[in-house]
Protein backbone atom coordinates (compact mmCIF):
# COMPACT_ATOMS: atom_id res chain seq x y z
CA MET A 1 -21.65 15.18 14.12
CA ALA A 2 -22.76 14.17 17.55
CA LYS A 3 -26.75 14.10 18.27
CA ILE A 4 -28.26 16.11 20.89
CA THR A 5 -30.74 14.66 23.16
CA LYS A 6 -32.43 15.59 25.95
CA ALA A 7 -31.33 14.14 29.59
CA PRO A 8 -33.79 12.21 30.95
CA PRO A 9 -35.40 13.60 34.18
CA ALA A 10 -33.91 13.41 37.41
CA PRO A 11 -35.82 11.30 39.80
CA HIS A 12 -36.91 12.56 43.03
CA ARG A 13 -35.86 11.29 46.29
CA PRO A 14 -36.99 10.67 49.45
CA ILE A 15 -36.41 13.11 52.52
CA GLY A 16 -33.98 12.86 54.23
CA LYS A 17 -32.20 10.25 52.33
CA LEU A 18 -30.12 11.16 49.47
CA ARG A 19 -30.46 8.75 46.58
CA PRO A 20 -27.37 7.67 44.55
CA THR A 21 -29.30 7.74 41.30
CA LEU A 22 -29.26 11.63 41.46
CA ARG A 23 -28.20 13.10 38.35
CA PRO A 24 -27.35 16.77 37.43
CA ASN A 25 -29.22 18.18 34.31
CA CYS A 26 -29.00 21.62 32.76
CA ARG A 27 -30.61 23.74 29.63
CA LEU A 28 -27.46 25.01 27.70
CA TRP A 29 -28.18 27.93 25.09
CA MET A 30 -26.30 31.15 24.11
CA TYR A 31 -27.74 34.29 23.58
CA ALA A 32 -26.97 37.76 22.46
CA PRO A 33 -28.05 40.82 24.46
CA GLY A 34 -30.39 42.79 22.76
CA ILE A 35 -31.21 40.21 19.88
CA ALA A 36 -34.11 38.18 19.67
CA GLY A 37 -33.53 34.22 19.83
CA VAL A 38 -31.20 31.78 21.24
CA PHE A 39 -29.02 29.44 19.95
CA GLY A 40 -28.96 25.81 21.87
CA ASP A 41 -29.61 22.24 22.21
CA GLY A 42 -33.14 22.62 20.13
CA LYS A 43 -31.89 24.54 17.38
CA CYS A 44 -28.93 21.99 16.81
CA ARG A 45 -31.47 19.39 16.98
CA LEU A 46 -33.46 21.20 14.17
CA LEU A 47 -30.17 21.74 12.20
CA HIS A 48 -29.51 18.20 12.31
CA GLY A 49 -32.71 17.01 11.31
CA ILE A 50 -31.75 19.24 8.15
CA ALA A 51 -28.52 17.75 7.51
CA THR A 52 -29.63 14.21 7.69
CA HIS A 53 -32.73 14.83 5.72
CA GLY A 54 -32.55 17.58 3.61
CA SER A 55 -35.52 19.13 4.53
CA LEU A 56 -36.72 22.18 7.16
CA GLN A 57 -40.22 20.15 6.85
CA LYS A 58 -38.75 16.66 7.94
CA ALA A 59 -36.65 17.99 10.37
CA ALA A 60 -39.42 20.19 11.94
CA GLN A 61 -41.69 17.04 12.01
CA GLU A 62 -38.87 15.22 13.70
CA THR A 63 -38.30 17.69 16.10
CA GLY A 64 -41.93 18.02 16.89
CA ILE A 65 -42.30 21.67 15.95
CA SER A 66 -44.58 23.14 12.96
CA TYR A 67 -43.04 24.22 10.24
CA ARG A 68 -43.46 27.66 10.73
CA LYS A 69 -42.07 27.62 14.13
CA ALA A 70 -38.64 26.00 12.56
CA TRP A 71 -37.95 28.91 10.23
CA ALA A 72 -38.87 31.38 12.69
CA ASP A 73 -36.27 29.46 14.83
CA LEU A 74 -33.46 29.35 12.06
CA ARG A 75 -34.47 33.12 11.66
CA LYS A 76 -33.89 33.77 15.36
CA ALA A 77 -30.54 31.62 15.50
CA GLU A 78 -28.81 33.63 12.49
CA ALA A 79 -29.72 37.03 13.69
CA CYS A 80 -28.50 35.71 17.09
CA ILE A 81 -25.48 34.37 15.38
CA GLY A 82 -24.90 36.46 12.36
CA ILE A 83 -24.31 33.98 10.12
CA PRO A 84 -26.90 31.85 7.34
CA LEU A 85 -26.95 28.60 8.92
CA VAL A 86 -29.20 27.18 6.00
CA SER A 87 -29.69 27.39 2.14
CA ARG A 88 -32.82 26.44 0.42
CA GLN A 89 -32.91 25.11 -3.14
CA ARG A 90 -36.72 25.23 -4.37
CA GLY A 91 -37.58 22.37 -5.82
CA GLY A 92 -40.49 21.41 -8.73
CA ARG A 93 -42.05 18.54 -8.91
CA ALA A 94 -40.19 16.57 -6.76
CA GLY A 95 -39.38 19.44 -3.98
CA GLY A 96 -36.77 21.66 -2.83
CA THR A 97 -34.11 20.77 -0.42
CA THR A 98 -32.39 22.47 2.54
CA THR A 99 -29.02 22.25 3.46
CA LEU A 100 -26.51 23.40 5.99
CA THR A 101 -23.92 26.06 5.29
CA ALA A 102 -20.20 24.98 5.76
CA GLU A 103 -20.27 27.18 8.78
CA ALA A 104 -23.76 25.72 10.28
CA GLN A 105 -21.79 22.69 9.72
CA GLN A 106 -18.60 24.11 12.00
CA ILE A 107 -21.01 25.60 14.41
CA LEU A 108 -22.40 22.64 15.08
CA ALA A 109 -19.03 20.67 15.59
CA ALA A 110 -18.24 23.54 17.91
CA TYR A 111 -21.23 23.35 19.83
CA ALA A 112 -21.12 19.66 20.24
CA ARG A 113 -17.74 19.75 21.98
CA PHE A 114 -18.53 23.03 23.84
CA ARG A 115 -21.65 21.10 24.97
CA LYS A 116 -19.17 17.67 25.99
CA GLU A 117 -17.18 20.12 28.12
CA MET A 118 -19.45 22.18 29.73
CA ILE A 119 -21.58 18.19 30.76
CA ALA A 120 -17.88 17.21 31.86
CA GLY A 121 -17.41 20.07 34.41
CA LEU A 122 -21.26 19.79 35.70
CA GLU A 123 -20.24 16.28 36.44
CA VAL A 124 -17.03 17.29 38.38
CA SER A 125 -19.00 20.14 40.34
CA PHE A 126 -22.02 17.82 40.98
CA ALA A 127 -19.90 15.31 42.55
CA ARG A 128 -18.38 17.73 44.89
CA PHE A 129 -21.96 19.13 45.73
CA ILE A 130 -23.23 15.44 46.30
CA GLN A 131 -19.75 15.30 48.58
CA GLN A 132 -20.95 18.08 50.56
CA VAL A 133 -24.28 16.97 50.91
CA ARG A 134 -23.68 13.57 52.07
CA THR A 135 -21.04 14.79 54.83
CA ALA A 136 -23.53 17.20 55.85
CA VAL A 137 -26.36 14.78 56.36
CA GLN A 138 -24.35 12.24 58.23
């Protein structure tokens, strides 16, 4: 599975001169009108953490959110998408596990492809934008 990472913040540019290091950046998420919750990069990072650790608690720690928020986010994502994303196995002394459903694994793979295509389109559009700006300021 491809790991979802945040893009670095765009550097500031001096007035009147366009920096060659300018990069596009955007946030990607999906929503369903009338349903609370979204599905995007943050939920994907959480799901990747669950797949890696077999634990919602460890995935929440890794993504820097509370366990309670992680559960709430998963419930919202499941409501938004309309399918279960994780299954839980309660444990005894050794603890339980949380695993991704087969559908969640397929969604993550499809989302990674979708995001890659979206970024490629963004790069093409950004290149046109930069060319137009350079033409306008020269």
